[in-house]
Amino acid sequence: EVLHRSDDHRYEHLRADRFYAEAQSQIARASGVELRLGVQVSSVESVGEVTRIATDAGPIEAAVVVDTRPSGEMAPQGALLQHFLGQEITTTDPVFDPHTATLMDFDVSQEDGIHFVYVLPFTATRALVESTVLSPHPLGRGAYEARIQDYVANRLGTRVESVDYVEQGIIPMHPLVEASTPSRGVIQAGTLGGAVKPSSGYAFHTIQRTTATLAASLLGRGRPQSTRPRSRLDGWLDAIFLSFIRSHPERGPEVFHRLFQSIEPDVLVRFMMERASPA
């Protein structure tokens, strides 16, 4: 067990519904902005100086398009995916410490890949418990749910009173920056633009940083350009790490444990936020 504490950084939980509500509130107050929900895009292609978007509600033309849709491309052979399912649960007994988050508990089954459980407690009886696996192939929903149930029963020694919220996702642990060549006038952003740090799956801070740069360029003169989310050196270091994990998945828990054990908490935070130095 490695227990870290930082006086300079807070570990925060942002609820998705509140995040989207705030974003939509700002959009509603902005002039010259129209939000179209429930519209499916079938293609994006440049025709001369204009980019044409084909949708099920009719075509849209624009000088610049920022595309954040999932790429739909197959991952490279043997590439790792970080796939997970989390449940916000209420337990019968007070088993959680509201002041301590468990980032990675590897004391669970490793039969389907590098597996850990993440616990984000809100009170002594309510927490988000997430089963996360690093492997090339996602599992069925029932497999994650069974692992959470087993963790609550056998590791925490209690039982689930209720499941109040469920989240599920798949994060690519391989570079996507140059996975495809966008049409002229199309800027790829978000996961599609390579914002996810391959070695950790973290993306939030990088997305905020690259989006702010993109917004500034859109409001300036000239044609906006997408920004590389990280240096080539960082990408190279991530590639070395992931190559080792793919070749030696059984050593995954040991490697992560040594990482947390040997690095000061504030340095670790900067690493996760992609603000660390090469050293």
C-alpha atoms as a PDB file:
ATOM      1  CA  GLU A   1       0.000   0.000   0.000  1.00  0.00           C
ATOM      2  CA  VAL A   2       1.202   3.492  -0.868  1.00  0.00           C
ATOM      3  CA  LEU A   3      -0.642   6.391   0.770  1.00  0.00           C
ATOM      4  CA  HIS A   4      -0.052   9.853  -0.674  1.00  0.00           C
ATOM      5  CA  ARG A   5      -1.203  13.287   0.400  1.00  0.00           C
ATOM      6  CA  SER A   6      -0.733  16.644  -1.303  1.00  0.00           C
ATOM      7  CA  ASP A   7      -1.106  20.081   0.262  1.00  0.00           C
ATOM      8  CA  ASP A   8      -0.852  21.783  -3.141  1.00  0.00           C
ATOM      9  CA  HIS A   9      -3.389  19.808  -5.188  1.00  0.00           C
ATOM     10  CA  ARG A  10      -6.943  18.706  -4.535  1.00  0.00           C
ATOM     11  CA  TYR A  11      -8.494  15.550  -5.914  1.00  0.00           C
ATOM     12  CA  GLU A  12     -11.812  16.699  -7.346  1.00  0.00           C
ATOM     13  CA  HIS A  13     -14.955  15.030  -8.628  1.00  0.00           C
ATOM     14  CA  LEU A  14     -16.858  16.783 -11.429  1.00  0.00           C
ATOM     15  CA  ARG A  15     -20.359  15.483 -12.033  1.00  0.00           C
ATOM     16  CA  ALA A  16     -20.996  15.099 -15.765  1.00  0.00           C
ATOM     17  CA  ASP A  17     -24.620  16.287 -15.551  1.00  0.00           C
ATOM     18  CA  ARG A  18     -23.603  19.544 -13.842  1.00  0.00           C
ATOM     19  CA  PHE A  19     -20.712  20.025 -16.263  1.00  0.00           C
ATOM     20  CA  TYR A  20     -23.034  19.674 -19.281  1.00  0.00           C
ATOM     21  CA  ALA A  21     -25.716  21.845 -17.671  1.00  0.00           C
ATOM     22  CA  GLU A  22     -23.195  24.652 -17.137  1.00  0.00           C
ATOM     23  CA  ALA A  23     -21.886  24.312 -20.701  1.00  0.00           C
ATOM     24  CA  GLN A  24     -25.391  24.414 -22.169  1.00  0.00           C
ATOM     25  CA  SER A  25     -26.258  27.412 -19.973  1.00  0.00           C
ATOM     26  CA  GLN A  26     -23.282  29.338 -21.381  1.00  0.00           C
ATOM     27  CA  ILE A  27     -24.189  28.311 -24.941  1.00  0.00           C
ATOM     28  CA  ALA A  28     -27.780  29.497 -24.416  1.00  0.00           C
ATOM     29  CA  ARG A  29     -26.520  32.918 -23.279  1.00  0.00           C
ATOM     30  CA  ALA A  30     -24.083  33.291 -26.187  1.00  0.00           C
ATOM     31  CA  SER A  31     -25.099  35.203 -29.294  1.00  0.00           C
ATOM     32  CA  GLY A  32     -24.498  33.662 -32.692  1.00  0.00           C
ATOM     33  CA  VAL A  33     -24.430  30.106 -31.328  1.00  0.00           C
ATOM     34  CA  GLU A  34     -26.894  27.342 -32.156  1.00  0.00           C
ATOM     35  CA  LEU A  35     -26.894  23.975 -30.402  1.00  0.00           C
ATOM     36  CA  ARG A  36     -28.394  21.059 -32.328  1.00  0.00           C
ATOM     37  CA  LEU A  37     -28.825  17.914 -30.241  1.00  0.00           C
ATOM     38  CA  GLY A  38     -29.837  14.485 -31.512  1.00  0.00           C
ATOM     39  CA  VAL A  39     -28.421  15.083 -35.002  1.00  0.00           C
ATOM     40  CA  GLN A  40     -26.403  12.274 -36.577  1.00  0.00           C
ATOM     41  CA  VAL A  41     -23.397  13.100 -38.770  1.00  0.00           C
ATOM     42  CA  SER A  42     -22.719  10.689 -41.619  1.00  0.00           C
ATOM     43  CA  SER A  43     -19.725  12.372 -43.286  1.00  0.00           C
ATOM     44  CA  VAL A  44     -17.409  15.374 -43.125  1.00  0.00           C
ATOM     45  CA  GLU A  45     -15.537  16.377 -46.269  1.00  0.00           C
ATOM     46  CA  SER A  46     -13.913  19.487 -47.712  1.00  0.00           C
ATOM     47  CA  VAL A  47     -15.157  20.842 -51.024  1.00  0.00           C
ATOM     48  CA  GLY A  48     -12.921  23.682 -52.162  1.00  0.00           C
ATOM     49  CA  GLU A  49     -12.728  26.283 -49.396  1.00  0.00           C
ATOM     50  CA  VAL A  50     -15.807  24.905 -47.618  1.00  0.00           C
ATOM     51  CA  THR A  51     -16.236  21.866 -45.390  1.00  0.00           C
ATOM     52  CA  ARG A  52     -19.543  20.051 -45.872  1.00  0.00           C
ATOM     53  CA  ILE A  53     -21.164  18.045 -43.079  1.00  0.00           C
ATOM     54  CA  ALA A  54     -23.842  15.555 -44.100  1.00  0.00           C
ATOM     55  CA  THR A  55     -26.413  14.961 -41.336  1.00  0.00           C
ATOM     56  CA  ASP A  56     -29.802  13.303 -41.003  1.00  0.00           C
ATOM     57  CA  ALA A  57     -31.250  16.815 -40.548  1.00  0.00           C
ATOM     58  CA  GLY A  58     -29.741  18.190 -43.745  1.00  0.00           C
ATOM     59  CA  PRO A  59     -26.292  19.431 -44.830  1.00  0.00           C
ATOM     60  CA  ILE A  60     -24.223  22.039 -42.988  1.00  0.00           C
ATOM     61  CA  GLU A  61     -21.370  24.011 -44.545  1.00  0.00           C
ATOM     62  CA  ALA A  62     -18.578  25.736 -42.632  1.00  0.00           C
ATOM     63  CA  ALA A  63     -15.143  27.228 -43.143  1.00  0.00           C
ATOM     64  CA  VAL A  64     -13.769  25.347 -40.133  1.00  0.00           C
ATOM     65  CA  VAL A  65     -15.028  22.182 -38.440  1.00  0.00           C
ATOM     66  CA  VAL A  66     -13.823  20.922 -35.063  1.00  0.00           C
ATOM     67  CA  ASP A  67     -14.424  17.179 -35.026  1.00  0.00           C
ATOM     68  CA  THR A  68     -14.431  15.359 -31.672  1.00  0.00           C
ATOM     69  CA  ARG A  69     -16.394  12.251 -32.702  1.00  0.00           C
ATOM     70  CA  PRO A  70     -14.987   8.798 -31.928  1.00  0.00           C
ATOM     71  CA  SER A  71     -12.767   7.771 -34.835  1.00  0.00           C
ATOM     72  CA  GLY A  72     -14.257   4.293 -35.291  1.00  0.00           C
ATOM     73  CA  GLU A  73     -10.843   3.070 -36.381  1.00  0.00           C
ATOM     74  CA  MET A  74      -9.557  -0.299 -35.267  1.00  0.00           C
ATOM     75  CA  ALA A  75      -6.812  -0.190 -32.653  1.00  0.00           C
ATOM     76  CA  PRO A  76      -3.360  -1.376 -33.742  1.00  0.00           C
ATOM     77  CA  GLN A  77      -2.777  -5.099 -33.334  1.00  0.00           C
ATOM     78  CA  GLY A  78      -2.358  -5.916 -29.641  1.00  0.00           C
ATOM     79  CA  ALA A  79      -2.959  -2.323 -28.503  1.00  0.00           C
ATOM     80  CA  LEU A  80      -4.197  -1.922 -24.956  1.00  0.00           C
ATOM     81  CA  LEU A  81      -7.578  -0.472 -24.093  1.00  0.00           C
ATOM     82  CA  GLN A  82      -8.583   0.830 -20.678  1.00  0.00           C
ATOM     83  CA  HIS A  83     -12.137  -0.435 -20.287  1.00  0.00           C
ATOM     84  CA  PHE A  84     -14.242  -0.056 -17.180  1.00  0.00           C
ATOM     85  CA  LEU A  85     -17.613   0.010 -15.486  1.00  0.00           C
ATOM     86  CA  GLY A  86     -18.304   1.952 -12.321  1.00  0.00           C
ATOM     87  CA  GLN A  87     -21.246   1.941  -9.946  1.00  0.00           C
ATOM     88  CA  GLU A  88     -22.073   4.638  -7.418  1.00  0.00           C
ATOM     89  CA  ILE A  89     -23.287   2.471  -4.568  1.00  0.00           C
ATOM     90  CA  THR A  90     -24.668   2.747  -1.056  1.00  0.00           C
ATOM     91  CA  THR A  91     -23.506   0.001   1.298  1.00  0.00           C
ATOM     92  CA  THR A  92     -25.073  -1.562   4.377  1.00  0.00           C
ATOM     93  CA  ASP A  93     -22.060  -0.791   6.577  1.00  0.00           C
ATOM     94  CA  PRO A  94     -19.782   2.290   6.901  1.00  0.00           C
ATOM     95  CA  VAL A  95     -16.716   0.872   5.108  1.00  0.00           C
ATOM     96  CA  PHE A  96     -15.343   3.908   3.221  1.00  0.00           C
ATOM     97  CA  ASP A  97     -12.976   6.653   4.341  1.00  0.00           C
ATOM     98  CA  PRO A  98     -14.405   9.844   2.760  1.00  0.00           C
ATOM     99  CA  HIS A  99     -10.966  11.498   2.920  1.00  0.00           C
ATOM    100  CA  THR A 100      -9.062   8.829   0.951  1.00  0.00           C
ATOM    101  CA  ALA A 101      -9.524   7.742  -2.667  1.00  0.00           C
ATOM    102  CA  THR A 102      -8.218   4.359  -3.783  1.00  0.00           C
ATOM    103  CA  LEU A 103      -6.734   4.946  -7.233  1.00  0.00           C
ATOM    104  CA  MET A 104      -5.680   1.363  -7.933  1.00  0.00           C
ATOM    105  CA  ASP A 105      -6.392  -1.768  -5.866  1.00  0.00           C
ATOM    106  CA  PHE A 106      -4.705  -4.673  -7.648  1.00  0.00           C
ATOM    107  CA  ASP A 107      -5.639  -7.247  -4.991  1.00  0.00           C
ATOM    108  CA  VAL A 108      -8.305  -8.637  -7.340  1.00  0.00           C
ATOM    109  CA  SER A 109      -8.494 -11.233 -10.130  1.00  0.00           C
ATOM    110  CA  GLN A 110      -5.979 -10.664 -12.955  1.00  0.00           C
ATOM    111  CA  GLU A 111      -7.349 -13.368 -15.274  1.00  0.00           C
ATOM    112  CA  ASP A 112      -8.653 -11.044 -18.021  1.00  0.00           C
ATOM    113  CA  GLY A 113      -5.761  -8.575 -18.099  1.00  0.00           C
ATOM    114  CA  ILE A 114      -4.297  -5.993 -15.747  1.00  0.00           C
ATOM    115  CA  HIS A 115      -7.243  -5.454 -13.423  1.00  0.00           C
ATOM    116  CA  PHE A 116      -7.704  -2.943 -10.613  1.00  0.00           C
ATOM    117  CA  VAL A 117     -10.589  -1.469  -8.646  1.00  0.00           C
ATOM    118  CA  TYR A 118     -10.913   2.283  -8.188  1.00  0.00           C
ATOM    119  CA  VAL A 119     -12.849   3.641  -5.198  1.00  0.00           C
ATOM    120  CA  LEU A 120     -13.941   7.279  -4.870  1.00  0.00           C
ATOM    121  CA  PRO A 121     -15.779   7.653  -1.539  1.00  0.00           C
ATOM    122  CA  PHE A 122     -18.300  10.419  -0.857  1.00  0.00           C
ATOM    123  CA  THR A 123     -19.429   9.314   2.609  1.00  0.00           C
ATOM    124  CA  ALA A 124     -18.739   6.323   4.860  1.00  0.00           C
ATOM    125  CA  THR A 125     -21.493   4.366   3.086  1.00  0.00           C
ATOM    126  CA  ARG A 126     -21.530   5.844  -0.451  1.00  0.00           C
ATOM    127  CA  ALA A 127     -18.820   5.613  -3.100  1.00  0.00           C
ATOM    128  CA  LEU A 128     -18.097   5.152  -6.779  1.00  0.00           C
ATOM    129  CA  VAL A 129     -16.568   1.682  -7.171  1.00  0.00           C
ATOM    130  CA  GLU A 130     -15.078   0.989 -10.587  1.00  0.00           C
ATOM    131  CA  SER A 131     -13.707  -2.203 -12.126  1.00  0.00           C
ATOM    132  CA  THR A 132     -11.003  -1.275 -14.666  1.00  0.00           C
ATOM    133  CA  VAL A 133      -9.122  -3.640 -16.973  1.00  0.00           C
ATOM    134  CA  LEU A 134      -6.154  -2.961 -19.270  1.00  0.00           C
ATOM    135  CA  SER A 135      -6.296  -5.440 -22.141  1.00  0.00           C
ATOM    136  CA  PRO A 136      -6.881  -5.498 -25.924  1.00  0.00           C
ATOM    137  CA  HIS A 137     -10.503  -6.649 -25.600  1.00  0.00           C
ATOM    138  CA  PRO A 138     -13.404  -5.190 -23.535  1.00  0.00           C
ATOM    139  CA  LEU A 139     -15.507  -7.486 -21.341  1.00  0.00           C
ATOM    140  CA  GLY A 140     -19.259  -7.923 -21.202  1.00  0.00           C
ATOM    141  CA  ARG A 141     -21.100  -5.656 -18.786  1.00  0.00           C
ATOM    142  CA  GLY A 142     -21.885  -8.543 -16.447  1.00  0.00           C
ATOM    143  CA  ALA A 143     -18.177  -9.295 -15.962  1.00  0.00           C
ATOM    144  CA  TYR A 144     -17.470  -5.845 -14.492  1.00  0.00           C
ATOM    145  CA  GLU A 145     -20.604  -5.970 -12.329  1.00  0.00           C
ATOM    146  CA  ALA A 146     -19.599  -9.373 -10.947  1.00  0.00           C
ATOM    147  CA  ARG A 147     -16.140  -8.053 -10.059  1.00  0.00           C
ATOM    148  CA  ILE A 148     -17.625  -5.062  -8.227  1.00  0.00           C
ATOM    149  CA  GLN A 149     -19.987  -7.329  -6.285  1.00  0.00           C
ATOM    150  CA  ASP A 150     -17.088  -9.616  -5.369  1.00  0.00           C
ATOM    151  CA  TYR A 151     -14.988  -6.634  -4.262  1.00  0.00           C
ATOM    152  CA  VAL A 152     -17.735  -5.210  -2.051  1.00  0.00           C
ATOM    153  CA  ALA A 153     -18.458  -8.594  -0.475  1.00  0.00           C
ATOM    154  CA  ASN A 154     -14.955 -10.013  -0.044  1.00  0.00           C
ATOM    155  CA  ARG A 155     -12.645  -6.995   0.167  1.00  0.00           C
ATOM    156  CA  LEU A 156     -14.962  -4.553   1.953  1.00  0.00           C
ATOM    157  CA  GLY A 157     -17.017  -7.116   3.873  1.00  0.00           C
ATOM    158  CA  THR A 158     -20.392  -5.542   3.262  1.00  0.00           C
ATOM    159  CA  ARG A 159     -23.181  -5.597   0.709  1.00  0.00           C
ATOM    160  CA  VAL A 160     -24.756  -3.160  -1.731  1.00  0.00           C
ATOM    161  CA  GLU A 161     -27.978  -1.513  -0.609  1.00  0.00           C
ATOM    162  CA  SER A 162     -28.519   0.386  -3.866  1.00  0.00           C
ATOM    163  CA  VAL A 163     -26.860   1.323  -7.161  1.00  0.00           C
ATOM    164  CA  ASP A 164     -27.577   4.990  -7.844  1.00  0.00           C
ATOM    165  CA  TYR A 165     -25.488   5.680 -10.944  1.00  0.00           C
ATOM    166  CA  VAL A 166     -23.559   3.674 -13.551  1.00  0.00           C
ATOM    167  CA  GLU A 167     -20.803   4.765 -15.919  1.00  0.00           C
ATOM    168  CA  GLN A 168     -19.013   2.669 -18.534  1.00  0.00           C
ATOM    169  CA  GLY A 169     -16.340   3.470 -21.076  1.00  0.00           C
ATOM    170  CA  ILE A 170     -13.384   2.467 -23.214  1.00  0.00           C
ATOM    171  CA  ILE A 171     -10.239   4.618 -23.401  1.00  0.00           C
ATOM    172  CA  PRO A 172      -7.546   3.954 -26.040  1.00  0.00           C
ATOM    173  CA  MET A 173      -4.059   3.420 -24.614  1.00  0.00           C
ATOM    174  CA  HIS A 174      -2.342   4.065 -27.925  1.00  0.00           C
ATOM    175  CA  PRO A 175      -1.576   7.259 -29.867  1.00  0.00           C
ATOM    176  CA  LEU A 176      -4.392   8.637 -32.041  1.00  0.00           C
ATOM    177  CA  VAL A 177      -2.818  11.938 -33.120  1.00  0.00           C
ATOM    178  CA  GLU A 178      -1.860  10.681 -36.573  1.00  0.00           C
ATOM    179  CA  ALA A 179      -4.289   7.783 -36.806  1.00  0.00           C
ATOM    180  CA  SER A 180      -6.136   9.442 -39.673  1.00  0.00           C
ATOM    181  CA  THR A 181      -5.644  12.387 -42.003  1.00  0.00           C
ATOM    182  CA  PRO A 182      -8.470  14.919 -41.632  1.00  0.00           C
ATOM    183  CA  SER A 183      -9.817  16.875 -44.585  1.00  0.00           C
ATOM    184  CA  ARG A 184      -8.646  20.431 -45.107  1.00  0.00           C
ATOM    185  CA  GLY A 185     -10.637  22.724 -42.836  1.00  0.00           C
ATOM    186  CA  VAL A 186     -11.233  19.953 -40.264  1.00  0.00           C
ATOM    187  CA  ILE A 187      -9.534  20.104 -36.861  1.00  0.00           C
ATOM    188  CA  GLN A 188      -9.563  16.933 -34.787  1.00  0.00           C
ATOM    189  CA  ALA A 189      -9.883  17.446 -31.037  1.00  0.00           C
ATOM    190  CA  GLY A 190     -10.534  15.483 -27.876  1.00  0.00           C
ATOM    191  CA  THR A 191      -9.758  11.768 -27.968  1.00  0.00           C
ATOM    192  CA  LEU A 192      -9.665  11.860 -31.754  1.00  0.00           C
ATOM    193  CA  GLY A 193      -7.058  14.619 -31.570  1.00  0.00           C
ATOM    194  CA  GLY A 194      -4.821  12.585 -29.269  1.00  0.00           C
ATOM    195  CA  ALA A 195      -5.747  14.306 -26.000  1.00  0.00           C
ATOM    196  CA  VAL A 196      -5.728  11.046 -24.017  1.00  0.00           C
ATOM    197  CA  LYS A 197      -2.365  10.302 -22.394  1.00  0.00           C
ATOM    198  CA  PRO A 198      -1.783   6.709 -23.564  1.00  0.00           C
ATOM    199  CA  SER A 199       0.038   5.529 -20.422  1.00  0.00           C
ATOM    200  CA  SER A 200      -2.643   6.681 -17.958  1.00  0.00           C
ATOM    201  CA  GLY A 201      -5.891   7.281 -19.861  1.00  0.00           C
ATOM    202  CA  TYR A 202      -6.071  10.794 -18.355  1.00  0.00           C
ATOM    203  CA  ALA A 203      -7.370  13.470 -20.711  1.00  0.00           C
ATOM    204  CA  PHE A 204      -9.349  16.131 -18.859  1.00  0.00           C
ATOM    205  CA  HIS A 205      -6.606  18.688 -18.211  1.00  0.00           C
ATOM    206  CA  THR A 206      -5.101  18.215 -21.665  1.00  0.00           C
ATOM    207  CA  ILE A 207      -8.511  18.750 -23.273  1.00  0.00           C
ATOM    208  CA  GLN A 208      -9.044  21.964 -21.281  1.00  0.00           C
ATOM    209  CA  ARG A 209      -5.586  23.239 -22.260  1.00  0.00           C
ATOM    210  CA  THR A 210      -5.772  22.403 -25.987  1.00  0.00           C
ATOM    211  CA  THR A 211      -9.373  23.637 -26.203  1.00  0.00           C
ATOM    212  CA  ALA A 212      -8.422  27.020 -24.734  1.00  0.00           C
ATOM    213  CA  THR A 213      -5.657  27.334 -27.343  1.00  0.00           C
ATOM    214  CA  LEU A 214      -8.045  26.334 -30.125  1.00  0.00           C
ATOM    215  CA  ALA A 215     -10.709  28.795 -28.955  1.00  0.00           C
ATOM    216  CA  ALA A 216      -8.156  31.608 -28.928  1.00  0.00           C
ATOM    217  CA  SER A 217      -7.101  30.771 -32.495  1.00  0.00           C
ATOM    218  CA  LEU A 218     -10.726  30.611 -33.672  1.00  0.00           C
ATOM    219  CA  LEU A 219     -11.273  34.105 -32.304  1.00  0.00           C
ATOM    220  CA  GLY A 220      -8.081  35.384 -33.925  1.00  0.00           C
ATOM    221  CA  ARG A 221      -7.157  35.910 -37.535  1.00  0.00           C
ATOM    222  CA  GLY A 222      -6.122  33.304 -40.072  1.00  0.00           C
ATOM    223  CA  ARG A 223      -7.012  29.637 -40.284  1.00  0.00           C
ATOM    224  CA  PRO A 224      -7.024  27.885 -36.879  1.00  0.00           C
ATOM    225  CA  GLN A 225      -4.602  25.027 -36.425  1.00  0.00           C
ATOM    226  CA  SER A 226      -4.825  22.015 -34.155  1.00  0.00           C
ATOM    227  CA  THR A 227      -2.128  21.798 -31.492  1.00  0.00           C
ATOM    228  CA  ARG A 228      -0.061  18.741 -30.655  1.00  0.00           C
ATOM    229  CA  PRO A 229      -1.314  17.691 -27.187  1.00  0.00           C
ATOM    230  CA  ARG A 230       2.110  16.539 -25.960  1.00  0.00           C
ATOM    231  CA  SER A 231       5.757  16.579 -26.932  1.00  0.00           C
ATOM    232  CA  ARG A 232       7.338  13.846 -29.041  1.00  0.00           C
ATOM    233  CA  LEU A 233       9.506  12.965 -26.035  1.00  0.00           C
ATOM    234  CA  ASP A 234       6.438  12.360 -23.860  1.00  0.00           C
ATOM    235  CA  GLY A 235       4.913  10.226 -26.606  1.00  0.00           C
ATOM    236  CA  TRP A 236       8.125   8.219 -26.883  1.00  0.00           C
ATOM    237  CA  LEU A 237       8.267   7.617 -23.117  1.00  0.00           C
ATOM    238  CA  ASP A 238       4.620   6.508 -23.107  1.00  0.00           C
ATOM    239  CA  ALA A 239       5.333   4.110 -25.986  1.00  0.00           C
ATOM    240  CA  ILE A 240       8.196   2.494 -24.030  1.00  0.00           C
ATOM    241  CA  PHE A 241       5.990   2.077 -20.962  1.00  0.00           C
ATOM    242  CA  LEU A 242       3.087   0.580 -22.923  1.00  0.00           C
ATOM    243  CA  SER A 243       5.381  -1.758 -24.859  1.00  0.00           C
ATOM    244  CA  PHE A 244       6.629  -3.182 -21.551  1.00  0.00           C
ATOM    245  CA  ILE A 245       3.112  -3.537 -20.137  1.00  0.00           C
ATOM    246  CA  ARG A 246       1.907  -5.338 -23.278  1.00  0.00           C
ATOM    247  CA  SER A 247       4.866  -7.733 -23.162  1.00  0.00           C
ATOM    248  CA  HIS A 248       4.704  -8.316 -19.389  1.00  0.00           C
ATOM    249  CA  PRO A 249       1.105  -7.776 -18.210  1.00  0.00           C
ATOM    250  CA  GLU A 250       1.750  -9.944 -15.143  1.00  0.00           C
ATOM    251  CA  ARG A 251       4.168  -7.254 -13.902  1.00  0.00           C
ATOM    252  CA  GLY A 252       1.627  -4.451 -14.307  1.00  0.00           C
ATOM    253  CA  PRO A 253       0.642  -4.196 -10.615  1.00  0.00           C
ATOM    254  CA  GLU A 254       4.332  -4.207  -9.583  1.00  0.00           C
ATOM    255  CA  VAL A 255       5.209  -1.444 -12.058  1.00  0.00           C
ATOM    256  CA  PHE A 256       2.354   0.830 -10.957  1.00  0.00           C
ATOM    257  CA  HIS A 257       3.161   0.184  -7.295  1.00  0.00           C
ATOM    258  CA  ARG A 258       6.812   1.152  -7.837  1.00  0.00           C
ATOM    259  CA  LEU A 259       5.704   4.263  -9.746  1.00  0.00           C
ATOM    260  CA  PHE A 260       3.564   5.494  -6.861  1.00  0.00           C
ATOM    261  CA  GLN A 261       6.091   4.405  -4.250  1.00  0.00           C
ATOM    262  CA  SER A 262       9.104   6.167  -5.755  1.00  0.00           C
ATOM    263  CA  ILE A 263       7.581   9.462  -6.944  1.00  0.00           C
ATOM    264  CA  GLU A 264       6.618  12.376  -4.718  1.00  0.00           C
ATOM    265  CA  PRO A 265       2.852  13.043  -4.758  1.00  0.00           C
ATOM    266  CA  ASP A 266       3.092  16.519  -6.321  1.00  0.00           C
ATOM    267  CA  VAL A 267       5.365  15.190  -9.081  1.00  0.00           C
ATOM    268  CA  LEU A 268       2.908  12.336  -9.644  1.00  0.00           C
ATOM    269  CA  VAL A 269       0.059  14.835  -9.983  1.00  0.00           C
ATOM    270  CA  ARG A 270       2.023  16.837 -12.551  1.00  0.00           C
ATOM    271  CA  PHE A 271       2.722  13.611 -14.447  1.00  0.00           C
ATOM    272  CA  MET A 272      -0.986  12.744 -14.562  1.00  0.00           C
ATOM    273  CA  MET A 273      -1.854  16.302 -15.681  1.00  0.00           C
ATOM    274  CA  GLU A 274       0.913  16.218 -18.322  1.00  0.00           C
ATOM    275  CA  ARG A 275       2.736  19.112 -16.702  1.00  0.00           C
ATOM    276  CA  ALA A 276       5.795  17.164 -15.559  1.00  0.00           C
ATOM    277  CA  SER A 277       9.320  17.680 -16.813  1.00  0.00           C
ATOM    278  CA  PRO A 278      11.105  14.833 -18.688  1.00  0.00           C
ATOM    279  CA  ALA A 279      13.058  14.119 -15.493  1.00  0.00           C
END
